Amino acid sequence: MPDPARLRDSTQIVLPCDALGEIRRELERQFMVSIVPLKEEYCRIVGSPVEIKQASKFLGRHGVSLP
């Protein structure tokens, strides 16, 4: 049985909403992900493990540091 924490890490990215800035629309356009608010200043990017992996690379190429 998979570890829930590991599964969660492979299907979501949590970061400050400000970090997305102008690339948010491009992220949503290129990848099958949902971006939902989490608390006041954080956003959760949710998708399949494959989409999250690709979205992470995309964010990195655009200078977004991931926790």
PDB file of N, CA and C in Angstrom:
ATOM      1  N   MET A   1       0.845  -1.169   0.000  1.00  0.00           N
ATOM      2  CA  MET A   1       0.000   0.000   0.000  1.00  0.00           C
ATOM      3  C   MET A   1       0.896   1.240   0.000  1.00  0.00           C
ATOM      4  N   PRO A   2       0.606   2.230  -0.879  1.00  0.00           N
ATOM      5  CA  PRO A   2       1.454   3.421  -0.948  1.00  0.00           C
ATOM      6  C   PRO A   2       1.352   4.281   0.303  1.00  0.00           C
ATOM      7  N   ASP A   3       2.449   4.959   0.580  1.00  0.00           N
ATOM      8  CA  ASP A   3       2.509   5.888   1.702  1.00  0.00           C
ATOM      9  C   ASP A   3       1.708   7.144   1.340  1.00  0.00           C
ATOM     10  N   PRO A   4       0.690   7.527   2.134  1.00  0.00           N
ATOM     11  CA  PRO A   4      -0.142   8.696   1.798  1.00  0.00           C
ATOM     12  C   PRO A   4       0.655   9.985   1.621  1.00  0.00           C
ATOM     13  N   ALA A   5       1.673  10.209   2.435  1.00  0.00           N
ATOM     14  CA  ALA A   5       2.463  11.442   2.317  1.00  0.00           C
ATOM     15  C   ALA A   5       3.201  11.486   0.982  1.00  0.00           C
ATOM     16  N   ARG A   6       3.735  10.357   0.575  1.00  0.00           N
ATOM     17  CA  ARG A   6       4.458  10.310  -0.704  1.00  0.00           C
ATOM     18  C   ARG A   6       3.499  10.510  -1.877  1.00  0.00           C
ATOM     19  N   LEU A   7       2.328   9.909  -1.799  1.00  0.00           N
ATOM     20  CA  LEU A   7       1.330  10.070  -2.849  1.00  0.00           C
ATOM     21  C   LEU A   7       0.895  11.536  -2.936  1.00  0.00           C
ATOM     22  N   ARG A   8       0.673  12.160  -1.802  1.00  0.00           N
ATOM     23  CA  ARG A   8       0.275  13.568  -1.767  1.00  0.00           C
ATOM     24  C   ARG A   8       1.366  14.442  -2.380  1.00  0.00           C
ATOM     25  N   ASP A   9       2.622  14.168  -2.062  1.00  0.00           N
ATOM     26  CA  ASP A   9       3.732  14.950  -2.616  1.00  0.00           C
ATOM     27  C   ASP A   9       3.835  14.810  -4.127  1.00  0.00           C
ATOM     28  N   SER A  10       3.410  13.681  -4.659  1.00  0.00           N
ATOM     29  CA  SER A  10       3.519  13.474  -6.104  1.00  0.00           C
ATOM     30  C   SER A  10       2.308  14.003  -6.862  1.00  0.00           C
ATOM     31  N   THR A  11       1.283  14.475  -6.155  1.00  0.00           N
ATOM     32  CA  THR A  11       0.080  14.954  -6.829  1.00  0.00           C
ATOM     33  C   THR A  11      -0.245  16.412  -6.524  1.00  0.00           C
ATOM     34  N   GLN A  12       0.640  17.101  -5.799  1.00  0.00           N
ATOM     35  CA  GLN A  12       0.372  18.506  -5.498  1.00  0.00           C
ATOM     36  C   GLN A  12       1.659  19.275  -5.265  1.00  0.00           C
ATOM     37  N   ILE A  13       1.559  20.571  -5.495  1.00  0.00           N
ATOM     38  CA  ILE A  13       2.627  21.521  -5.179  1.00  0.00           C
ATOM     39  C   ILE A  13       1.955  22.634  -4.385  1.00  0.00           C
ATOM     40  N   VAL A  14       2.535  22.992  -3.261  1.00  0.00           N
ATOM     41  CA  VAL A  14       2.003  24.096  -2.459  1.00  0.00           C
ATOM     42  C   VAL A  14       3.075  25.183  -2.417  1.00  0.00           C
ATOM     43  N   LEU A  15       2.684  26.389  -2.792  1.00  0.00           N
ATOM     44  CA  LEU A  15       3.615  27.509  -2.788  1.00  0.00           C
ATOM     45  C   LEU A  15       2.843  28.813  -2.646  1.00  0.00           C
ATOM     46  N   PRO A  16       3.550  29.890  -2.291  1.00  0.00           N
ATOM     47  CA  PRO A  16       2.863  31.182  -2.187  1.00  0.00           C
ATOM     48  C   PRO A  16       2.255  31.564  -3.532  1.00  0.00           C
ATOM     49  N   CYS A  17       1.036  32.051  -3.525  1.00  0.00           N
ATOM     50  CA  CYS A  17       0.357  32.439  -4.767  1.00  0.00           C
ATOM     51  C   CYS A  17       1.146  33.495  -5.531  1.00  0.00           C
ATOM     52  N   ASP A  18       1.821  34.375  -4.808  1.00  0.00           N
ATOM     53  CA  ASP A  18       2.621  35.417  -5.456  1.00  0.00           C
ATOM     54  C   ASP A  18       3.723  34.830  -6.330  1.00  0.00           C
ATOM     55  N   ALA A  19       4.189  33.633  -6.005  1.00  0.00           N
ATOM     56  CA  ALA A  19       5.262  33.008  -6.784  1.00  0.00           C
ATOM     57  C   ALA A  19       4.812  32.674  -8.203  1.00  0.00           C
ATOM     58  N   LEU A  20       3.513  32.470  -8.386  1.00  0.00           N
ATOM     59  CA  LEU A  20       3.005  32.130  -9.715  1.00  0.00           C
ATOM     60  C   LEU A  20       2.957  33.353 -10.629  1.00  0.00           C
ATOM     61  N   GLY A  21       2.582  34.479 -10.068  1.00  0.00           N
ATOM     62  CA  GLY A  21       2.557  35.719 -10.835  1.00  0.00           C
ATOM     63  C   GLY A  21       1.945  35.571 -12.208  1.00  0.00           C
ATOM     64  N   GLU A  22       2.668  36.045 -13.211  1.00  0.00           N
ATOM     65  CA  GLU A  22       2.176  36.069 -14.579  1.00  0.00           C
ATOM     66  C   GLU A  22       2.197  34.711 -15.272  1.00  0.00           C
ATOM     67  N   ILE A  23       2.878  33.733 -14.695  1.00  0.00           N
ATOM     68  CA  ILE A  23       2.960  32.421 -15.368  1.00  0.00           C
ATOM     69  C   ILE A  23       1.793  31.505 -15.017  1.00  0.00           C
ATOM     70  N   ARG A  24       0.924  31.946 -14.142  1.00  0.00           N
ATOM     71  CA  ARG A  24      -0.206  31.103 -13.727  1.00  0.00           C
ATOM     72  C   ARG A  24      -1.056  30.665 -14.920  1.00  0.00           C
ATOM     73  N   ARG A  25      -1.419  31.590 -15.779  1.00  0.00           N
ATOM     74  CA  ARG A  25      -2.252  31.252 -16.945  1.00  0.00           C
ATOM     75  C   ARG A  25      -1.546  30.271 -17.872  1.00  0.00           C
ATOM     76  N   GLU A  26      -0.262  30.486 -18.083  1.00  0.00           N
ATOM     77  CA  GLU A  26       0.500  29.582 -18.950  1.00  0.00           C
ATOM     78  C   GLU A  26       0.581  28.183 -18.327  1.00  0.00           C
ATOM     79  N   LEU A  27       0.745  28.114 -17.025  1.00  0.00           N
ATOM     80  CA  LEU A  27       0.772  26.838 -16.317  1.00  0.00           C
ATOM     81  C   LEU A  27      -0.544  26.086 -16.498  1.00  0.00           C
ATOM     82  N   GLU A  28      -1.649  26.799 -16.315  1.00  0.00           N
ATOM     83  CA  GLU A  28      -2.967  26.179 -16.476  1.00  0.00           C
ATOM     84  C   GLU A  28      -3.244  25.802 -17.933  1.00  0.00           C
ATOM     85  N   ARG A  29      -2.684  26.556 -18.868  1.00  0.00           N
ATOM     86  CA  ARG A  29      -2.903  26.277 -20.277  1.00  0.00           C
ATOM     87  C   ARG A  29      -2.114  25.045 -20.734  1.00  0.00           C
ATOM     88  N   GLN A  30      -0.888  24.909 -20.255  1.00  0.00           N
ATOM     89  CA  GLN A  30      -0.013  23.832 -20.714  1.00  0.00           C
ATOM     90  C   GLN A  30      -0.237  22.504 -20.006  1.00  0.00           C
ATOM     91  N   PHE A  31      -0.743  22.531 -18.788  1.00  0.00           N
ATOM     92  CA  PHE A  31      -0.826  21.313 -17.983  1.00  0.00           C
ATOM     93  C   PHE A  31      -2.242  21.097 -17.460  1.00  0.00           C
ATOM     94  N   MET A  32      -2.607  19.854 -17.295  1.00  0.00           N
ATOM     95  CA  MET A  32      -3.912  19.484 -16.744  1.00  0.00           C
ATOM     96  C   MET A  32      -3.813  19.524 -15.217  1.00  0.00           C
ATOM     97  N   VAL A  33      -3.827  20.740 -14.672  1.00  0.00           N
ATOM     98  CA  VAL A  33      -3.737  20.939 -13.227  1.00  0.00           C
ATOM     99  C   VAL A  33      -4.838  21.894 -12.786  1.00  0.00           C
ATOM    100  N   SER A  34      -5.142  21.839 -11.512  1.00  0.00           N
ATOM    101  CA  SER A  34      -6.065  22.791 -10.891  1.00  0.00           C
ATOM    102  C   SER A  34      -5.268  23.590  -9.881  1.00  0.00           C
ATOM    103  N   ILE A  35      -5.531  24.881  -9.825  1.00  0.00           N
ATOM    104  CA  ILE A  35      -4.868  25.741  -8.851  1.00  0.00           C
ATOM    105  C   ILE A  35      -5.950  26.269  -7.921  1.00  0.00           C
ATOM    106  N   VAL A  36      -5.824  25.904  -6.649  1.00  0.00           N
ATOM    107  CA  VAL A  36      -6.837  26.289  -5.663  1.00  0.00           C
ATOM    108  C   VAL A  36      -6.179  27.033  -4.502  1.00  0.00           C
ATOM    109  N   PRO A  37      -6.881  28.035  -3.958  1.00  0.00           N
ATOM    110  CA  PRO A  37      -6.333  28.761  -2.811  1.00  0.00           C
ATOM    111  C   PRO A  37      -6.247  27.857  -1.583  1.00  0.00           C
ATOM    112  N   LEU A  38      -5.210  28.066  -0.822  1.00  0.00           N
ATOM    113  CA  LEU A  38      -4.992  27.327   0.421  1.00  0.00           C
ATOM    114  C   LEU A  38      -4.606  28.361   1.471  1.00  0.00           C
ATOM    115  N   LYS A  39      -5.435  28.523   2.453  1.00  0.00           N
ATOM    116  CA  LYS A  39      -5.264  29.600   3.439  1.00  0.00           C
ATOM    117  C   LYS A  39      -5.337  30.928   2.708  1.00  0.00           C
ATOM    118  N   GLU A  40      -4.637  31.947   3.171  1.00  0.00           N
ATOM    119  CA  GLU A  40      -4.759  33.264   2.556  1.00  0.00           C
ATOM    120  C   GLU A  40      -3.730  33.510   1.472  1.00  0.00           C
ATOM    121  N   GLU A  41      -2.515  33.074   1.671  1.00  0.00           N
ATOM    122  CA  GLU A  41      -1.463  33.454   0.740  1.00  0.00           C
ATOM    123  C   GLU A  41      -0.871  32.296  -0.059  1.00  0.00           C
ATOM    124  N   TYR A  42      -1.334  31.089   0.167  1.00  0.00           N
ATOM    125  CA  TYR A  42      -0.778  29.927  -0.522  1.00  0.00           C
ATOM    126  C   TYR A  42      -1.752  29.360  -1.551  1.00  0.00           C
ATOM    127  N   CYS A  43      -1.183  28.737  -2.568  1.00  0.00           N
ATOM    128  CA  CYS A  43      -1.966  28.050  -3.590  1.00  0.00           C
ATOM    129  C   CYS A  43      -1.514  26.598  -3.657  1.00  0.00           C
ATOM    130  N   ARG A  44      -2.456  25.749  -3.962  1.00  0.00           N
ATOM    131  CA  ARG A  44      -2.165  24.327  -4.146  1.00  0.00           C
ATOM    132  C   ARG A  44      -2.393  24.015  -5.623  1.00  0.00           C
ATOM    133  N   ILE A  45      -1.364  23.471  -6.259  1.00  0.00           N
ATOM    134  CA  ILE A  45      -1.462  23.015  -7.644  1.00  0.00           C
ATOM    135  C   ILE A  45      -1.654  21.513  -7.568  1.00  0.00           C
ATOM    136  N   VAL A  46      -2.772  21.052  -8.101  1.00  0.00           N
ATOM    137  CA  VAL A  46      -3.136  19.639  -7.984  1.00  0.00           C
ATOM    138  C   VAL A  46      -3.240  19.022  -9.373  1.00  0.00           C
ATOM    139  N   GLY A  47      -2.688  17.811  -9.513  1.00  0.00           N
ATOM    140  CA  GLY A  47      -2.774  17.104 -10.784  1.00  0.00           C
ATOM    141  C   GLY A  47      -2.243  15.693 -10.638  1.00  0.00           C
ATOM    142  N   SER A  48      -2.196  14.987 -11.738  1.00  0.00           N
ATOM    143  CA  SER A  48      -1.658  13.625 -11.720  1.00  0.00           C
ATOM    144  C   SER A  48      -0.156  13.696 -11.463  1.00  0.00           C
ATOM    145  N   PRO A  49       0.449  12.605 -11.017  1.00  0.00           N
ATOM    146  CA  PRO A  49       1.897  12.618 -10.786  1.00  0.00           C
ATOM    147  C   PRO A  49       2.697  13.048 -12.024  1.00  0.00           C
ATOM    148  N   VAL A  50       2.264  12.635 -13.197  1.00  0.00           N
ATOM    149  CA  VAL A  50       2.967  13.007 -14.426  1.00  0.00           C
ATOM    150  C   VAL A  50       2.852  14.515 -14.661  1.00  0.00           C
ATOM    151  N   GLU A  51       1.662  15.069 -14.516  1.00  0.00           N
ATOM    152  CA  GLU A  51       1.456  16.502 -14.725  1.00  0.00           C
ATOM    153  C   GLU A  51       2.206  17.328 -13.682  1.00  0.00           C
ATOM    154  N   ILE A  52       2.191  16.881 -12.437  1.00  0.00           N
ATOM    155  CA  ILE A  52       2.883  17.614 -11.372  1.00  0.00           C
ATOM    156  C   ILE A  52       4.383  17.617 -11.626  1.00  0.00           C
ATOM    157  N   LYS A  53       4.924  16.512 -12.083  1.00  0.00           N
ATOM    158  CA  LYS A  53       6.359  16.448 -12.381  1.00  0.00           C
ATOM    159  C   LYS A  53       6.709  17.434 -13.491  1.00  0.00           C
ATOM    160  N   GLN A  54       5.920  17.468 -14.541  1.00  0.00           N
ATOM    161  CA  GLN A  54       6.167  18.388 -15.645  1.00  0.00           C
ATOM    162  C   GLN A  54       5.948  19.841 -15.217  1.00  0.00           C
ATOM    163  N   ALA A  55       4.913  20.074 -14.413  1.00  0.00           N
ATOM    164  CA  ALA A  55       4.645  21.425 -13.915  1.00  0.00           C
ATOM    165  C   ALA A  55       5.798  21.904 -13.025  1.00  0.00           C
ATOM    166  N   SER A  56       6.370  21.012 -12.236  1.00  0.00           N
ATOM    167  CA  SER A  56       7.517  21.367 -11.392  1.00  0.00           C
ATOM    168  C   SER A  56       8.694  21.815 -12.246  1.00  0.00           C
ATOM    169  N   LYS A  57       8.942  21.093 -13.327  1.00  0.00           N
ATOM    170  CA  LYS A  57      10.027  21.473 -14.237  1.00  0.00           C
ATOM    171  C   LYS A  57       9.740  22.830 -14.870  1.00  0.00           C
ATOM    172  N   PHE A  58       8.498  23.040 -15.283  1.00  0.00           N
ATOM    173  CA  PHE A  58       8.076  24.308 -15.869  1.00  0.00           C
ATOM    174  C   PHE A  58       8.322  25.448 -14.885  1.00  0.00           C
ATOM    175  N   LEU A  59       7.888  25.269 -13.648  1.00  0.00           N
ATOM    176  CA  LEU A  59       8.066  26.297 -12.624  1.00  0.00           C
ATOM    177  C   LEU A  59       9.542  26.583 -12.400  1.00  0.00           C
ATOM    178  N   GLY A  60      10.354  25.540 -12.340  1.00  0.00           N
ATOM    179  CA  GLY A  60      11.792  25.711 -12.160  1.00  0.00           C
ATOM    180  C   GLY A  60      12.426  26.506 -13.296  1.00  0.00           C
ATOM    181  N   ARG A  61      12.007  26.219 -14.531  1.00  0.00           N
ATOM    182  CA  ARG A  61      12.535  26.954 -15.688  1.00  0.00           C
ATOM    183  C   ARG A  61      12.150  28.431 -15.649  1.00  0.00           C
ATOM    184  N   HIS A  62      11.066  28.738 -14.957  1.00  0.00           N
ATOM    185  CA  HIS A  62      10.611  30.122 -14.846  1.00  0.00           C
ATOM    186  C   HIS A  62      11.032  30.762 -13.528  1.00  0.00           C
ATOM    187  N   GLY A  63      11.987  30.161 -12.841  1.00  0.00           N
ATOM    188  CA  GLY A  63      12.569  30.756 -11.634  1.00  0.00           C
ATOM    189  C   GLY A  63      11.780  30.638 -10.365  1.00  0.00           C
ATOM    190  N   VAL A  64      10.795  29.736 -10.341  1.00  0.00           N
ATOM    191  CA  VAL A  64       9.998  29.547  -9.132  1.00  0.00           C
ATOM    192  C   VAL A  64      10.667  28.468  -8.281  1.00  0.00           C
ATOM    193  N   SER A  65      11.044  28.821  -7.064  1.00  0.00           N
ATOM    194  CA  SER A  65      11.666  27.862  -6.138  1.00  0.00           C
ATOM    195  C   SER A  65      10.584  27.027  -5.482  1.00  0.00           C
ATOM    196  N   LEU A  66      10.771  25.729  -5.502  1.00  0.00           N
ATOM    197  CA  LEU A  66       9.814  24.821  -4.877  1.00  0.00           C
ATOM    198  C   LEU A  66      10.347  24.364  -3.528  1.00  0.00           C
ATOM    199  N   PRO A  67       9.450  24.277  -2.544  1.00  0.00           N
ATOM    200  CA  PRO A  67       9.881  23.832  -1.209  1.00  0.00           C
ATOM    201  C   PRO A  67      10.341  22.393  -1.210  1.00  0.00           C
TER     202      PRO A  67
END
